[in-house]
PDB file of N, CA and C in Angstrom:
ATOM      1  N   MET A   1     -88.633-278.266 -58.597  1.00  0.00           N
ATOM      2  CA  MET A   1     -87.248-278.659 -58.840  1.00  0.00           C
ATOM      3  C   MET A   1     -86.680-279.254 -57.574  1.00  0.00           C
ATOM      4  N   THR A   2     -87.433-280.200 -57.020  1.00  0.00           N
ATOM      5  CA  THR A   2     -87.003-280.851 -55.774  1.00  0.00           C
ATOM      6  C   THR A   2     -86.365-282.195 -56.092  1.00  0.00           C
ATOM      7  N   PRO A   3     -85.240-282.508 -55.467  1.00  0.00           N
ATOM      8  CA  PRO A   3     -84.564-283.784 -55.708  1.00  0.00           C
ATOM      9  C   PRO A   3     -85.427-284.927 -55.220  1.00  0.00           C
ATOM     10  N   PRO A   4     -85.445-286.066 -55.903  1.00  0.00           N
ATOM     11  CA  PRO A   4     -86.282-287.203 -55.575  1.00  0.00           C
ATOM     12  C   PRO A   4     -85.947-287.796 -54.223  1.00  0.00           C
ATOM     13  N   ALA A   5     -84.656-287.784 -53.843  1.00  0.00           N
ATOM     14  CA  ALA A   5     -84.263-288.381 -52.567  1.00  0.00           C
ATOM     15  C   ALA A   5     -83.597-287.348 -51.669  1.00  0.00           C
ATOM     16  N   ALA A   6     -84.354-286.297 -51.349  1.00  0.00           N
ATOM     17  CA  ALA A   6     -83.800-285.244 -50.517  1.00  0.00           C
ATOM     18  C   ALA A   6     -84.262-285.418 -49.063  1.00  0.00           C
ATOM     19  N   PRO A   7     -83.339-285.661 -48.146  1.00  0.00           N
ATOM     20  CA  PRO A   7     -83.691-285.817 -46.737  1.00  0.00           C
ATOM     21  C   PRO A   7     -84.269-284.515 -46.173  1.00  0.00           C
ATOM     22  N   LYS A   8     -85.320-284.635 -45.368  1.00  0.00           N
ATOM     23  CA  LYS A   8     -85.984-283.436 -44.807  1.00  0.00           C
ATOM     24  C   LYS A   8     -85.051-282.744 -43.800  1.00  0.00           C
ATOM     25  N   ASN A   9     -84.129-283.490 -43.229  1.00  0.00           N
ATOM     26  CA  ASN A   9     -83.271-282.913 -42.191  1.00  0.00           C
ATOM     27  C   ASN A   9     -82.332-281.850 -42.785  1.00  0.00           C
ATOM     28  N   GLN A  10     -81.803-282.122 -43.993  1.00  0.00           N
ATOM     29  CA  GLN A  10     -80.878-281.168 -44.591  1.00  0.00           C
ATOM     30  C   GLN A  10     -81.634-280.017 -45.228  1.00  0.00           C
ATOM     31  N   THR A  11     -80.924-278.928 -45.479  1.00  0.00           N
ATOM     32  CA  THR A  11     -81.545-277.771 -46.102  1.00  0.00           C
ATOM     33  C   THR A  11     -81.714-278.021 -47.598  1.00  0.00           C
ATOM     34  N   PRO A  12     -82.809-277.552 -48.185  1.00  0.00           N
ATOM     35  CA  PRO A  12     -83.074-277.779 -49.602  1.00  0.00           C
ATOM     36  C   PRO A  12     -82.032-277.106 -50.504  1.00  0.00           C
ATOM     37  N   PHE A  13     -81.257-276.192 -49.929  1.00  0.00           N
ATOM     38  CA  PHE A  13     -80.263-275.475 -50.707  1.00  0.00           C
ATOM     39  C   PHE A  13     -78.859-275.967 -50.353  1.00  0.00           C
ATOM     40  N   ASP A  14     -78.729-277.280 -50.130  1.00  0.00           N
ATOM     41  CA  ASP A  14     -77.419-277.853 -49.828  1.00  0.00           C
ATOM     42  C   ASP A  14     -76.516-277.719 -51.043  1.00  0.00           C
ATOM     43  N   ASP A  15     -75.235-277.461 -50.812  1.00  0.00           N
ATOM     44  CA  ASP A  15     -74.302-277.219 -51.938  1.00  0.00           C
ATOM     45  C   ASP A  15     -74.291-278.390 -52.906  1.00  0.00           C
ATOM     46  N   GLU A  16     -73.998-279.589 -52.416  1.00  0.00           N
ATOM     47  CA  GLU A  16     -73.874-280.756 -53.318  1.00  0.00           C
ATOM     48  C   GLU A  16     -75.192-281.025 -54.004  1.00  0.00           C
ATOM     49  N   ILE A  17     -76.284-281.076 -53.237  1.00  0.00           N
ATOM     50  CA  ILE A  17     -77.601-281.412 -53.833  1.00  0.00           C
ATOM     51  C   ILE A  17     -77.977-280.352 -54.848  1.00  0.00           C
ATOM     52  N   SER A  18     -77.757-279.085 -54.541  1.00  0.00           N
ATOM     53  CA  SER A  18     -78.158-278.023 -55.462  1.00  0.00           C
ATOM     54  C   SER A  18     -77.342-278.101 -56.746  1.00  0.00           C
ATOM     55  N   LEU A  19     -76.034-278.332 -56.615  1.00  0.00           N
ATOM     56  CA  LEU A  19     -75.162-278.439 -57.806  1.00  0.00           C
ATOM     57  C   LEU A  19     -75.621-279.594 -58.676  1.00  0.00           C
ATOM     58  N   LEU A  20     -75.838-280.755 -58.070  1.00  0.00           N
ATOM     59  CA  LEU A  20     -76.275-281.926 -58.853  1.00  0.00           C
ATOM     60  C   LEU A  20     -77.616-281.653 -59.495  1.00  0.00           C
ATOM     61  N   ASP A  21     -78.525-281.048 -58.721  1.00  0.00           N
ATOM     62  CA  ASP A  21     -79.861-280.720 -59.266  1.00  0.00           C
ATOM     63  C   ASP A  21     -79.751-279.788 -60.453  1.00  0.00           C
ATOM     64  N   ILE A  22     -78.947-278.736 -60.312  1.00  0.00           N
ATOM     65  CA  ILE A  22     -78.806-277.747 -61.395  1.00  0.00           C
ATOM     66  C   ILE A  22     -78.219-278.439 -62.639  1.00  0.00           C
ATOM     67  N   ILE A  23     -77.197-279.260 -62.440  1.00  0.00           N
ATOM     68  CA  ILE A  23     -76.576-279.942 -63.596  1.00  0.00           C
ATOM     69  C   ILE A  23     -77.612-280.826 -64.298  1.00  0.00           C
ATOM     70  N   GLN A  24     -78.346-281.647 -63.513  1.00  0.00           N
ATOM     71  CA  GLN A  24     -79.351-282.514 -64.127  1.00  0.00           C
ATOM     72  C   GLN A  24     -80.440-281.679 -64.787  1.00  0.00           C
ATOM     73  N   PHE A  25     -80.850-280.584 -64.119  1.00  0.00           N
ATOM     74  CA  PHE A  25     -81.908-279.741 -64.668  1.00  0.00           C
ATOM     75  C   PHE A  25     -81.479-279.136 -65.995  1.00  0.00           C
ATOM     76  N   PHE A  26     -80.251-278.635 -66.046  1.00  0.00           N
ATOM     77  CA  PHE A  26     -79.747-278.044 -67.321  1.00  0.00           C
ATOM     78  C   PHE A  26     -79.639-279.113 -68.398  1.00  0.00           C
ATOM     79  N   LYS A  27     -79.176-280.309 -68.037  1.00  0.00           N
ATOM     80  CA  LYS A  27     -79.084-281.381 -69.033  1.00  0.00           C
ATOM     81  C   LYS A  27     -80.466-281.700 -69.594  1.00  0.00           C
ATOM     82  N   ALA A  28     -81.459-281.795 -68.728  1.00  0.00           N
ATOM     83  CA  ALA A  28     -82.827-282.094 -69.182  1.00  0.00           C
ATOM     84  C   ALA A  28     -83.329-280.977 -70.082  1.00  0.00           C
ATOM     85  N   ASN A  29     -83.073-279.730 -69.673  1.00  0.00           N
ATOM     86  CA  ASN A  29     -83.533-278.597 -70.498  1.00  0.00           C
ATOM     87  C   ASN A  29     -82.854-278.582 -71.849  1.00  0.00           C
ATOM     88  N   LEU A  30     -81.554-278.843 -71.871  1.00  0.00           N
ATOM     89  CA  LEU A  30     -80.825-278.869 -73.147  1.00  0.00           C
ATOM     90  C   LEU A  30     -81.412-279.964 -74.050  1.00  0.00           C
ATOM     91  N   ILE A  31     -81.665-281.140 -73.489  1.00  0.00           N
ATOM     92  CA  ILE A  31     -82.238-282.244 -74.286  1.00  0.00           C
ATOM     93  C   ILE A  31     -83.596-281.828 -74.821  1.00  0.00           C
ATOM     94  N   LYS A  32     -84.427-281.228 -73.958  1.00  0.00           N
ATOM     95  CA  LYS A  32     -85.766-280.809 -74.379  1.00  0.00           C
ATOM     96  C   LYS A  32     -85.666-279.754 -75.501  1.00  0.00           C
ATOM     97  N   ILE A  33     -84.792-278.781 -75.318  1.00  0.00           N
ATOM     98  CA  ILE A  33     -84.644-277.729 -76.341  1.00  0.00           C
ATOM     99  C   ILE A  33     -84.151-278.312 -77.663  1.00  0.00           C
ATOM    100  N   LEU A  34     -83.180-279.225 -77.576  1.00  0.00           N
ATOM    101  CA  LEU A  34     -82.636-279.811 -78.809  1.00  0.00           C
ATOM    102  C   LEU A  34     -83.721-280.626 -79.522  1.00  0.00           C
ATOM    103  N   PHE A  35     -84.551-281.346 -78.753  1.00  0.00           N
ATOM    104  CA  PHE A  35     -85.596-282.193 -79.357  1.00  0.00           C
ATOM    105  C   PHE A  35     -86.817-281.381 -79.761  1.00  0.00           C
ATOM    106  N   LEU A  36     -86.927-280.158 -79.221  1.00  0.00           N
ATOM    107  CA  LEU A  36     -88.075-279.334 -79.616  1.00  0.00           C
ATOM    108  C   LEU A  36     -87.775-278.642 -80.939  1.00  0.00           C
TER     109      LEU A  36
END
């Protein structure tokens, strides 16, 4: 669950990046569940 454009300098648990990642991850999961 790593962001495609995550700079190595910043922490992997950055607030903005983590929030965006979680939102996109949940959207993808919802789409997969709905289509499954």
